[in-house]
C-alpha atoms as a PDB file:
ATOM      1  CA  MET A   1     -18.594 -34.746 -19.844  1.00  0.00           C
ATOM      2  CA  ASN A   2     -15.190 -34.319 -21.732  1.00  0.00           C
ATOM      3  CA  LYS A   3     -14.108 -37.747 -22.781  1.00  0.00           C
ATOM      4  CA  LEU A   4     -10.439 -36.379 -24.402  1.00  0.00           C
ATOM      5  CA  ILE A   5      -9.355 -33.981 -21.603  1.00  0.00           C
ATOM      6  CA  THR A   6     -10.493 -34.870 -18.551  1.00  0.00           C
ATOM      7  CA  ASN A   7      -9.089 -32.569 -15.767  1.00  0.00           C
ATOM      8  CA  ASP A   8      -6.931 -29.476 -15.296  1.00  0.00           C
ATOM      9  CA  THR A   9      -3.881 -31.141 -15.596  1.00  0.00           C
ATOM     10  CA  ASP A  10      -4.624 -32.838 -18.524  1.00  0.00           C
ATOM     11  CA  LEU A  11      -5.612 -29.278 -19.953  1.00  0.00           C
ATOM     12  CA  ARG A  12      -1.679 -27.668 -18.396  1.00  0.00           C
ATOM     13  CA  ARG A  13      -0.058 -30.115 -21.214  1.00  0.00           C
ATOM     14  CA  TYR A  14      -1.159 -27.812 -23.758  1.00  0.00           C
ATOM     15  CA  ILE A  15      -0.868 -24.403 -22.037  1.00  0.00           C
ATOM     16  CA  PRO A  16       2.724 -23.169 -21.387  1.00  0.00           C
ATOM     17  CA  ASN A  17       3.421 -20.360 -18.607  1.00  0.00           C
ATOM     18  CA  GLN A  18      -0.082 -21.206 -17.026  1.00  0.00           C
ATOM     19  CA  VAL A  19      -0.340 -20.101 -13.317  1.00  0.00           C
ATOM     20  CA  VAL A  20      -1.537 -22.882 -10.920  1.00  0.00           C
ATOM     21  CA  ALA A  21      -5.180 -21.687  -9.335  1.00  0.00           C
ATOM     22  CA  VAL A  22      -5.373 -21.548  -5.807  1.00  0.00           C
ATOM     23  CA  LYS A  23      -7.385 -22.656  -3.527  1.00  0.00           C
ATOM     24  CA  GLY A  24     -11.078 -21.552  -3.938  1.00  0.00           C
ATOM     25  CA  GLU A  25     -10.238 -20.294  -7.439  1.00  0.00           C
ATOM     26  CA  ALA A  26     -11.886 -22.041 -10.604  1.00  0.00           C
ATOM     27  CA  SER A  27      -9.593 -24.214 -12.218  1.00  0.00           C
ATOM     28  CA  LEU A  28      -8.664 -23.343 -16.151  1.00  0.00           C
ATOM     29  CA  PHE A  29     -10.640 -26.551 -17.055  1.00  0.00           C
ATOM     30  CA  TYR A  30     -13.553 -25.687 -15.286  1.00  0.00           C
ATOM     31  CA  LYS A  31     -13.250 -21.922 -16.931  1.00  0.00           C
ATOM     32  CA  ILE A  32     -13.250 -23.341 -19.971  1.00  0.00           C
ATOM     33  CA  ALA A  33     -15.241 -26.486 -20.041  1.00  0.00           C
ATOM     34  CA  TYR A  34     -18.217 -25.627 -22.470  1.00  0.00           C
ATOM     35  CA  TRP A  35     -15.734 -24.983 -24.972  1.00  0.00           C
ATOM     36  CA  LEU A  36     -13.335 -28.356 -24.535  1.00  0.00           C
ATOM     37  CA  ASP A  37     -16.850 -29.867 -25.031  1.00  0.00           C
ATOM     38  CA  THR A  38     -18.012 -27.847 -28.219  1.00  0.00           C
ATOM     39  CA  ALA A  39     -14.308 -28.635 -29.131  1.00  0.00           C
ATOM     40  CA  GLU A  40     -15.274 -32.544 -28.706  1.00  0.00           C
ATOM     41  CA  GLN A  41     -18.397 -32.210 -30.576  1.00  0.00           C
ATOM     42  CA  TRP A  42     -16.588 -30.544 -33.803  1.00  0.00           C
ATOM     43  CA  ILE A  43     -13.738 -33.490 -33.979  1.00  0.00           C
ATOM     44  CA  PHE A  44     -16.407 -36.561 -33.828  1.00  0.00           C
ATOM     45  CA  VAL A  45     -18.324 -34.764 -36.862  1.00  0.00           C
ATOM     46  CA  THR A  46     -14.956 -33.292 -38.674  1.00  0.00           C
ATOM     47  CA  PHE A  47     -12.726 -36.058 -38.101  1.00  0.00           C
ATOM     48  CA  CYS A  48     -13.584 -38.918 -35.795  1.00  0.00           C
ATOM     49  CA  PRO A  49     -16.848 -40.286 -34.697  1.00  0.00           C
ATOM     50  CA  GLU A  50     -17.862 -40.682 -31.210  1.00  0.00           C
ATOM     51  CA  SER A  51     -17.784 -44.579 -31.111  1.00  0.00           C
ATOM     52  CA  VAL A  52     -14.527 -44.480 -32.968  1.00  0.00           C
ATOM     53  CA  VAL A  53     -13.216 -41.748 -30.014  1.00  0.00           C
ATOM     54  CA  ASP A  54     -14.499 -44.302 -27.640  1.00  0.00           C
ATOM     55  CA  ALA A  55     -12.844 -47.443 -29.544  1.00  0.00           C
ATOM     56  CA  ILE A  56      -9.537 -45.521 -29.059  1.00  0.00           C
ATOM     57  CA  LEU A  57      -9.608 -44.613 -25.577  1.00  0.00           C
ATOM     58  CA  ALA A  58     -10.183 -47.765 -24.408  1.00  0.00           C
ATOM     59  CA  ASP A  59      -7.289 -49.106 -26.426  1.00  0.00           C
ATOM     60  CA  LYS A  60      -4.194 -48.467 -24.024  1.00  0.00           C
ATOM     61  CA  SER A  61      -1.567 -49.382 -27.613  1.00  0.00           C
ATOM     62  CA  LEU A  62      -3.162 -46.415 -29.158  1.00  0.00           C
ATOM     63  CA  SER A  63      -2.707 -43.747 -26.935  1.00  0.00           C
ATOM     64  CA  ALA A  64      -0.534 -41.517 -29.328  1.00  0.00           C
ATOM     65  CA  LEU A  65      -3.713 -40.859 -31.211  1.00  0.00           C
ATOM     66  CA  HIS A  66      -5.295 -40.297 -28.194  1.00  0.00           C
ATOM     67  CA  THR A  67      -2.896 -37.432 -27.443  1.00  0.00           C
ATOM     68  CA  SER A  68      -3.282 -36.425 -31.264  1.00  0.00           C
ATOM     69  CA  LEU A  69      -7.151 -35.910 -30.520  1.00  0.00           C
ATOM     70  CA  SER A  70      -7.000 -34.254 -27.152  1.00  0.00           C
ATOM     71  CA  ALA A  71      -4.229 -31.887 -28.604  1.00  0.00           C
ATOM     72  CA  VAL A  72      -6.685 -30.597 -31.469  1.00  0.00           C
ATOM     73  CA  ALA A  73      -9.744 -30.299 -28.674  1.00  0.00           C
ATOM     74  CA  ALA A  74      -7.116 -28.050 -26.236  1.00  0.00           C
ATOM     75  CA  HIS A  75      -6.261 -25.515 -28.759  1.00  0.00           C
ATOM     76  CA  ARG A  76      -9.473 -25.193 -30.512  1.00  0.00           C
ATOM     77  CA  ALA A  77     -10.780 -24.871 -27.189  1.00  0.00           C
ATOM     78  CA  LEU A  78      -8.454 -22.287 -26.377  1.00  0.00           C
ATOM     79  CA  ALA A  79      -8.365 -19.993 -28.833  1.00  0.00           C
ATOM     80  CA  ASP A  80     -12.245 -20.032 -28.637  1.00  0.00           C
ATOM     81  CA  ALA A  81     -12.428 -19.311 -25.372  1.00  0.00           C
ATOM     82  CA  ILE A  82      -9.110 -17.144 -24.294  1.00  0.00           C
ATOM     83  CA  PRO A  83     -11.072 -13.752 -25.740  1.00  0.00           C
ATOM     84  CA  SER A  84     -13.531 -14.707 -22.905  1.00  0.00           C
ATOM     85  CA  LEU A  85     -11.398 -15.532 -20.154  1.00  0.00           C
ATOM     86  CA  ASP A  86     -10.471 -12.028 -18.998  1.00  0.00           C
ATOM     87  CA  LEU A  87     -13.933 -10.638 -19.304  1.00  0.00           C
ATOM     88  CA  VAL A  88     -16.503 -10.422 -16.489  1.00  0.00           C
ATOM     89  CA  GLN A  89     -20.473  -9.405 -16.645  1.00  0.00           C
ATOM     90  CA  THR A  90     -21.535  -6.600 -14.355  1.00  0.00           C
ATOM     91  CA  VAL A  91     -24.765  -4.804 -14.129  1.00  0.00           C
ATOM     92  CA  ASN A  92     -23.109  -1.781 -15.910  1.00  0.00           C
ATOM     93  CA  GLY A  93     -21.619  -3.957 -18.803  1.00  0.00           C
ATOM     94  CA  PHE A  94     -18.387  -6.062 -19.026  1.00  0.00           C
ATOM     95  CA  ALA A  95     -14.849  -5.287 -17.095  1.00  0.00           C
ATOM     96  CA  VAL A  96     -11.860  -6.568 -17.650  1.00  0.00           C
ATOM     97  CA  VAL A  97     -10.229  -8.986 -14.731  1.00  0.00           C
ATOM     98  CA  SER A  98      -7.136  -7.483 -12.872  1.00  0.00           C
ATOM     99  CA  ASN A  99      -5.304  -7.388  -9.369  1.00  0.00           C
ATOM    100  CA  GLN A 100      -2.313  -5.796  -7.980  1.00  0.00           C
ATOM    101  CA  ASN A 101       0.253  -8.554  -9.139  1.00  0.00           C
ATOM    102  CA  LEU A 102      -0.711  -9.348 -12.801  1.00  0.00           C
ATOM    103  CA  ALA A 103      -0.704  -6.259 -15.700  1.00  0.00           C
ATOM    104  CA  PRO A 104      -3.433  -7.490 -18.308  1.00  0.00           C
ATOM    105  CA  ALA A 105      -1.977  -8.267 -21.287  1.00  0.00           C
ATOM    106  CA  SER A 106      -1.810  -5.895 -24.248  1.00  0.00           C
ATOM    107  CA  ARG A 107      -4.724  -6.799 -27.440  1.00  0.00           C
ATOM    108  CA  ASP A 108      -1.701  -7.605 -29.464  1.00  0.00           C
ATOM    109  CA  ARG A 109      -0.196 -10.310 -27.236  1.00  0.00           C
ATOM    110  CA  VAL A 110      -3.742 -11.921 -26.489  1.00  0.00           C
ATOM    111  CA  ASP A 111      -3.992 -11.527 -30.251  1.00  0.00           C
ATOM    112  CA  ARG A 112      -0.524 -13.391 -30.625  1.00  0.00           C
ATOM    113  CA  LEU A 113      -1.502 -16.373 -28.249  1.00  0.00           C
ATOM    114  CA  ILE A 114      -4.713 -16.851 -29.833  1.00  0.00           C
ATOM    115  CA  ALA A 115      -3.240 -17.174 -33.422  1.00  0.00           C
ATOM    116  CA  ALA A 116      -0.452 -19.265 -31.691  1.00  0.00           C
ATOM    117  CA  HIS A 117      -3.139 -21.925 -30.168  1.00  0.00           C
ATOM    118  CA  ARG A 118      -4.958 -21.812 -33.554  1.00  0.00           C
ATOM    119  CA  SER A 119      -1.530 -22.756 -35.077  1.00  0.00           C
ATOM    120  CA  GLN A 120      -0.625 -25.791 -32.834  1.00  0.00           C
ATOM    121  CA  ARG A 121      -4.012 -26.810 -33.569  1.00  0.00           C
ATOM    122  CA  ASP A 122      -3.750 -27.040 -37.460  1.00  0.00           C
ATOM    123  CA  THR A 123      -0.207 -28.724 -36.401  1.00  0.00           C
ATOM    124  CA  ALA A 124      -2.067 -31.157 -34.524  1.00  0.00           C
ATOM    125  CA  ILE A 125      -4.601 -32.007 -36.904  1.00  0.00           C
ATOM    126  CA  SER A 126      -1.850 -32.840 -39.867  1.00  0.00           C
ATOM    127  CA  ALA A 127      -0.190 -34.964 -36.946  1.00  0.00           C
ATOM    128  CA  LEU A 128      -3.516 -36.562 -35.992  1.00  0.00           C
ATOM    129  CA  ILE A 129      -5.248 -37.622 -39.866  1.00  0.00           C
ATOM    130  CA  PRO A 130      -1.935 -40.090 -40.690  1.00  0.00           C
ATOM    131  CA  LEU A 131      -2.398 -41.678 -37.092  1.00  0.00           C
ATOM    132  CA  LEU A 132      -6.481 -42.054 -37.908  1.00  0.00           C
ATOM    133  CA  ALA A 133      -5.733 -43.663 -40.725  1.00  0.00           C
ATOM    134  CA  GLU A 134      -3.675 -46.590 -39.176  1.00  0.00           C
ATOM    135  CA  ALA A 135      -6.997 -47.166 -36.984  1.00  0.00           C
ATOM    136  CA  HIS A 136      -9.006 -49.853 -38.649  1.00  0.00           C
ATOM    137  CA  ALA A 137     -12.270 -48.330 -37.510  1.00  0.00           C
ATOM    138  CA  TRP A 138     -12.006 -45.558 -38.354  1.00  0.00           C
ATOM    139  CA  ARG A 139     -11.699 -46.707 -42.386  1.00  0.00           C
ATOM    140  CA  ASP A 140     -15.132 -46.728 -42.895  1.00  0.00           C
ATOM    141  CA  THR A 141     -16.210 -43.712 -41.755  1.00  0.00           C
ATOM    142  CA  PRO A 142     -17.904 -40.739 -43.422  1.00  0.00           C
ATOM    143  CA  GLN A 143     -14.958 -38.932 -41.880  1.00  0.00           C
ATOM    144  CA  CYS A 144     -12.499 -41.152 -43.729  1.00  0.00           C
ATOM    145  CA  ASP A 145     -14.142 -40.813 -46.700  1.00  0.00           C
ATOM    146  CA  TYR A 146     -13.627 -36.727 -46.390  1.00  0.00           C
ATOM    147  CA  PHE A 147      -9.500 -37.067 -46.148  1.00  0.00           C
ATOM    148  CA  ARG A 148      -8.853 -39.637 -48.708  1.00  0.00           C
ATOM    149  CA  ALA A 149     -10.796 -37.521 -51.364  1.00  0.00           C
ATOM    150  CA  THR A 150      -7.498 -35.767 -52.453  1.00  0.00           C
ATOM    151  CA  LEU A 151      -3.698 -36.576 -52.565  1.00  0.00           C
ATOM    152  CA  PHE A 152      -3.703 -33.298 -50.106  1.00  0.00           C
ATOM    153  CA  PRO A 153      -4.932 -35.088 -46.800  1.00  0.00           C
ATOM    154  CA  THR A 154      -3.881 -33.008 -44.340  1.00  0.00           C
ATOM    155  CA  PRO A 155      -3.769 -28.606 -43.946  1.00  0.00           C
ATOM    156  CA  ALA A 156       0.305 -29.509 -43.955  1.00  0.00           C
ATOM    157  CA  HIS A 157       0.136 -30.724 -47.416  1.00  0.00           C
ATOM    158  CA  ILE A 158      -1.763 -27.389 -49.276  1.00  0.00           C
ATOM    159  CA  ARG A 159       1.076 -25.172 -48.272  1.00  0.00           C
ATOM    160  CA  PRO A 160       2.137 -24.595 -51.499  1.00  0.00           C
ATOM    161  CA  LEU A 161      -1.314 -23.819 -52.831  1.00  0.00           C
ATOM    162  CA  ALA A 162      -2.114 -21.610 -49.985  1.00  0.00           C
ATOM    163  CA  SER A 163       1.566 -18.916 -49.690  1.00  0.00           C
ATOM    164  CA  GLY A 164       2.358 -20.723 -46.854  1.00  0.00           C
ATOM    165  CA  ALA A 165      -1.235 -20.502 -44.657  1.00  0.00           C
ATOM    166  CA  ALA A 166      -1.636 -23.988 -43.780  1.00  0.00           C
ATOM    167  CA  THR A 167      -4.511 -23.307 -41.835  1.00  0.00           C
ATOM    168  CA  TRP A 168      -7.764 -25.276 -41.422  1.00  0.00           C
ATOM    169  CA  GLU A 169      -9.900 -23.189 -42.445  1.00  0.00           C
ATOM    170  CA  ARG A 170      -7.674 -22.616 -45.945  1.00  0.00           C
ATOM    171  CA  TYR A 171      -7.682 -26.076 -46.126  1.00  0.00           C
ATOM    172  CA  GLU A 172     -11.701 -26.369 -45.808  1.00  0.00           C
ATOM    173  CA  GLU A 173     -12.198 -23.725 -48.297  1.00  0.00           C
ATOM    174  CA  LEU A 174      -9.593 -25.446 -50.967  1.00  0.00           C
ATOM    175  CA  HIS A 175     -10.631 -29.479 -50.438  1.00  0.00           C
ATOM    176  CA  PRO A 176     -13.463 -28.812 -53.428  1.00  0.00           C
ATOM    177  CA  ALA A 177     -11.801 -27.266 -55.359  1.00  0.00           C
ATOM    178  CA  ILE A 178      -8.459 -29.669 -55.373  1.00  0.00           C
ATOM    179  CA  ALA A 179     -10.900 -32.719 -54.813  1.00  0.00           C
ATOM    180  CA  ALA A 180     -12.346 -31.253 -58.793  1.00  0.00           C
ATOM    181  CA  ALA A 181      -8.798 -30.328 -60.136  1.00  0.00           C
ATOM    182  CA  GLU A 182      -7.494 -34.294 -58.997  1.00  0.00           C
ATOM    183  CA  ASP A 183     -11.262 -35.446 -60.775  1.00  0.00           C
ATOM    184  CA  ARG A 184     -10.501 -34.005 -63.973  1.00  0.00           C
ATOM    185  CA  LEU A 185      -7.081 -35.420 -64.084  1.00  0.00           C
ATOM    186  CA  ALA A 186      -8.209 -38.899 -63.356  1.00  0.00           C
ATOM    187  CA  ALA A 187     -10.978 -38.327 -66.095  1.00  0.00           C
ATOM    188  CA  GLU A 188      -8.472 -37.170 -68.851  1.00  0.00           C
ATOM    189  CA  TYR A 189      -5.147 -38.773 -67.969  1.00  0.00           C
ATOM    190  CA  ILE A 190      -4.693 -40.858 -64.566  1.00  0.00           C
ATOM    191  CA  SER A 191      -7.593 -43.179 -64.223  1.00  0.00           C
ATOM    192  CA  PRO A 192     -10.088 -42.574 -61.448  1.00  0.00           C
ATOM    193  CA  GLU A 193      -9.119 -46.374 -60.220  1.00  0.00           C
ATOM    194  CA  LEU A 194      -5.251 -45.491 -60.019  1.00  0.00           C
ATOM    195  CA  MET A 195      -6.004 -42.017 -58.543  1.00  0.00           C
ATOM    196  CA  GLN A 196      -8.236 -43.346 -55.415  1.00  0.00           C
ATOM    197  CA  ARG A 197      -5.057 -45.586 -55.290  1.00  0.00           C
ATOM    198  CA  LEU A 198      -2.506 -42.982 -55.150  1.00  0.00           C
ATOM    199  CA  ARG A 199      -4.670 -40.985 -52.468  1.00  0.00           C
ATOM    200  CA  ASP A 200      -5.409 -43.961 -50.224  1.00  0.00           C
ATOM    201  CA  GLU A 201      -1.363 -44.469 -50.315  1.00  0.00           C
ATOM    202  CA  THR A 202      -0.820 -40.684 -49.813  1.00  0.00           C
ATOM    203  CA  LEU A 203      -3.300 -41.051 -46.452  1.00  0.00           C
ATOM    204  CA  GLY A 204      -1.850 -44.035 -45.382  1.00  0.00           C
ATOM    205  CA  LEU A 205      -4.103 -46.374 -46.186  1.00  0.00           C
ATOM    206  CA  SER A 206      -1.787 -48.875 -47.748  1.00  0.00           C
ATOM    207  CA  LYS A 207       2.129 -48.750 -48.056  1.00  0.00           C
ATOM    208  CA  PRO A 208       3.000 -46.261 -51.113  1.00  0.00           C
ATOM    209  CA  SER A 209       6.035 -47.421 -53.307  1.00  0.00           C
ATOM    210  CA  THR A 210       8.699 -45.286 -53.875  1.00  0.00           C
ATOM    211  CA  ILE A 211       7.298 -45.159 -57.338  1.00  0.00           C
ATOM    212  CA  ASN A 212       4.163 -44.081 -56.587  1.00  0.00           C
ATOM    213  CA  TYR A 213       5.215 -41.016 -54.134  1.00  0.00           C
ATOM    214  CA  LYS A 214       7.191 -39.831 -56.933  1.00  0.00           C
ATOM    215  CA  LEU A 215       3.950 -39.631 -59.096  1.00  0.00           C
ATOM    216  CA  CYS A 216       1.892 -38.187 -56.444  1.00  0.00           C
ATOM    217  CA  GLU A 217       4.464 -35.611 -56.045  1.00  0.00           C
ATOM    218  CA  ALA A 218       4.429 -34.521 -59.548  1.00  0.00           C
ATOM    219  CA  LEU A 219       0.589 -34.723 -60.040  1.00  0.00           C
ATOM    220  CA  LYS A 220       0.400 -32.784 -57.120  1.00  0.00           C
ATOM    221  CA  GLY A 221       2.254 -30.116 -59.064  1.00  0.00           C
ATOM    222  CA  HIS A 222      -0.530 -30.345 -61.796  1.00  0.00           C
ATOM    223  CA  VAL A 223      -3.289 -29.800 -59.459  1.00  0.00           C
ATOM    224  CA  ALA A 224      -2.004 -26.557 -58.231  1.00  0.00           C
ATOM    225  CA  ASP A 225      -1.972 -25.305 -61.880  1.00  0.00           C
ATOM    226  CA  ILE A 226      -5.941 -25.983 -62.217  1.00  0.00           C
ATOM    227  CA  VAL A 227      -6.695 -24.391 -58.597  1.00  0.00           C
ATOM    228  CA  MET A 228      -3.867 -21.446 -59.138  1.00  0.00           C
ATOM    229  CA  ASP A 229      -5.637 -21.158 -62.947  1.00  0.00           C
ATOM    230  CA  ARG A 230      -2.383 -21.936 -64.533  1.00  0.00           C
ATOM    231  CA  PRO A 231      -1.977 -23.608 -67.945  1.00  0.00           C
ATOM    232  CA  LEU A 232      -2.215 -26.936 -68.033  1.00  0.00           C
ATOM    233  CA  ARG A 233       1.080 -29.030 -68.976  1.00  0.00           C
ATOM    234  CA  ASP A 234      -0.535 -31.471 -71.140  1.00  0.00           C
ATOM    235  CA  THR A 235       2.800 -32.681 -72.604  1.00  0.00           C
ATOM    236  CA  ALA A 236       4.313 -33.540 -69.075  1.00  0.00           C
ATOM    237  CA  LEU A 237       1.018 -35.260 -67.988  1.00  0.00           C
ATOM    238  CA  ARG A 238       1.224 -37.407 -71.028  1.00  0.00           C
ATOM    239  CA  ASP A 239       4.709 -37.820 -70.190  1.00  0.00           C
ATOM    240  CA  ILE A 240       3.396 -39.521 -66.822  1.00  0.00           C
ATOM    241  CA  VAL A 241       0.909 -41.625 -68.680  1.00  0.00           C
ATOM    242  CA  ASP A 242       3.668 -43.087 -70.988  1.00  0.00           C
ATOM    243  CA  TYR A 243       4.924 -44.333 -68.102  1.00  0.00           C
ATOM    244  CA  ILE A 244       2.030 -45.574 -66.697  1.00  0.00           C
ATOM    245  CA  ARG A 245       1.540 -47.431 -69.865  1.00  0.00           C
ATOM    246  CA  ARG A 246       5.252 -48.967 -69.945  1.00  0.00           C
ATOM    247  CA  HIS A 247       4.957 -50.885 -66.386  1.00  0.00           C
ATOM    248  CA  PRO A 248       1.240 -52.095 -66.590  1.00  0.00           C
ATOM    249  CA  ASP A 249       2.245 -54.442 -63.670  1.00  0.00           C
ATOM    250  CA  THR A 250       3.005 -51.467 -61.510  1.00  0.00           C
ATOM    251  CA  PHE A 251      -0.191 -49.877 -62.657  1.00  0.00           C
ATOM    252  CA  PRO A 252      -2.764 -52.305 -63.360  1.00  0.00           C
ATOM    253  CA  GLU A 253      -5.712 -49.971 -62.455  1.00  0.00           C
ATOM    254  CA  TRP A 254      -4.977 -48.045 -65.380  1.00  0.00           C
ATOM    255  CA  HIS A 255      -4.608 -50.242 -67.777  1.00  0.00           C
ATOM    256  CA  ARG A 256      -7.815 -51.731 -67.289  1.00  0.00           C
ATOM    257  CA  SER A 257      -9.688 -48.346 -66.687  1.00  0.00           C
ATOM    258  CA  ASP A 258     -11.647 -46.427 -69.829  1.00  0.00           C
ATOM    259  CA  THR A 259      -9.395 -44.012 -69.527  1.00  0.00           C
ATOM    260  CA  ALA A 260      -6.395 -46.203 -70.943  1.00  0.00           C
ATOM    261  CA  ARG A 261      -9.190 -46.242 -73.605  1.00  0.00           C
ATOM    262  CA  LEU A 262      -8.419 -42.812 -74.467  1.00  0.00           C
ATOM    263  CA  PHE A 263      -4.710 -43.137 -75.182  1.00  0.00           C
ATOM    264  CA  SER A 264      -5.459 -46.437 -77.069  1.00  0.00           C
ATOM    265  CA  PRO A 265      -7.749 -45.673 -80.082  1.00  0.00           C
ATOM    266  CA  PRO A 266      -9.165 -48.518 -82.083  1.00  0.00           C
ATOM    267  CA  VAL A 267      -7.123 -49.455 -85.214  1.00  0.00           C
ATOM    268  CA  PHE A 268      -9.101 -48.926 -88.064  1.00  0.00           C
ATOM    269  CA  ARG A 269      -8.706 -51.716 -90.654  1.00  0.00           C
ATOM    270  CA  ASN A 270      -9.654 -51.380 -94.378  1.00  0.00           C
ATOM    271  CA  SER A 271     -12.270 -53.643 -95.946  1.00  0.00           C
ATOM    272  CA  LYS A 272     -14.405 -53.490 -99.305  1.00  0.00           C
ATOM    273  CA  GLN A 273     -17.454 -53.756 -96.931  1.00  0.00           C
ATOM    274  CA  SER A 274     -16.432 -50.263 -95.068  1.00  0.00           C
ATOM    275  CA  PRO A 275     -18.001 -47.179 -96.304  1.00  0.00           C
ATOM    276  CA  GLY A 276     -15.167 -45.526 -98.231  1.00  0.00           C
ATOM    277  CA  TYR A 277     -12.933 -48.463 -99.021  1.00  0.00           C
ATOM    278  CA  TRP A 278      -9.725 -47.269-100.242  1.00  0.00           C
ATOM    279  CA  PHE A 279      -7.799 -49.174-103.089  1.00  0.00           C
END
């Protein structure tokens, strides 16, 4: 049983120019019920566990989050279902549904409609993730761990890395490379502790400062360099480190980290007991 979209009226909120079914006809909701259920199961696995969704649906103050979840489900289901909606199976094979009043849409128009629903799905996902970050029950889930693993928590964030194709599929493809690039920068310059704080602030798990926002934007450019196989700008990264070093109250995580020791090597002190003593 569908939880997010439970009737034809709810579904129609996400479909422009939909002809209302007449008496005796199956509603669009009924026709794509399977795809709606599949979309919801995908949401439970990918974005938000079913138990947390149940809590969201029970809390009227989270109606905006409910709407975002529903939008993702509707557009995913419609994009998957559309290729089958105008086909019927007969004893002789498949046929196109038609009548005397409406002409079947061309393949190009159907493809554009599917692409439009996928694009709206991706837009809805980018709107959903920050809203989920505000729900405390979501923060202890594996899904939250996935999105807090980079400075690019939504498909919209990867646009500079994906030549404008900020799709969910491209996001999934790039996510491991982005996380690996950030981990490298963390180990060599920023520290894992500070990097995780910046990731959490970007996602919305904690309130960011103006300084941290500028730092995140600069780091995203260096992440892009690594992901896109461009040379690492070591001087610029060391300038960032120098700024962090001069602001211990703003970046205490870095100053307590092992990474900080890479930029503060032990001072050699000459003594008569040391091998190679110099007069």
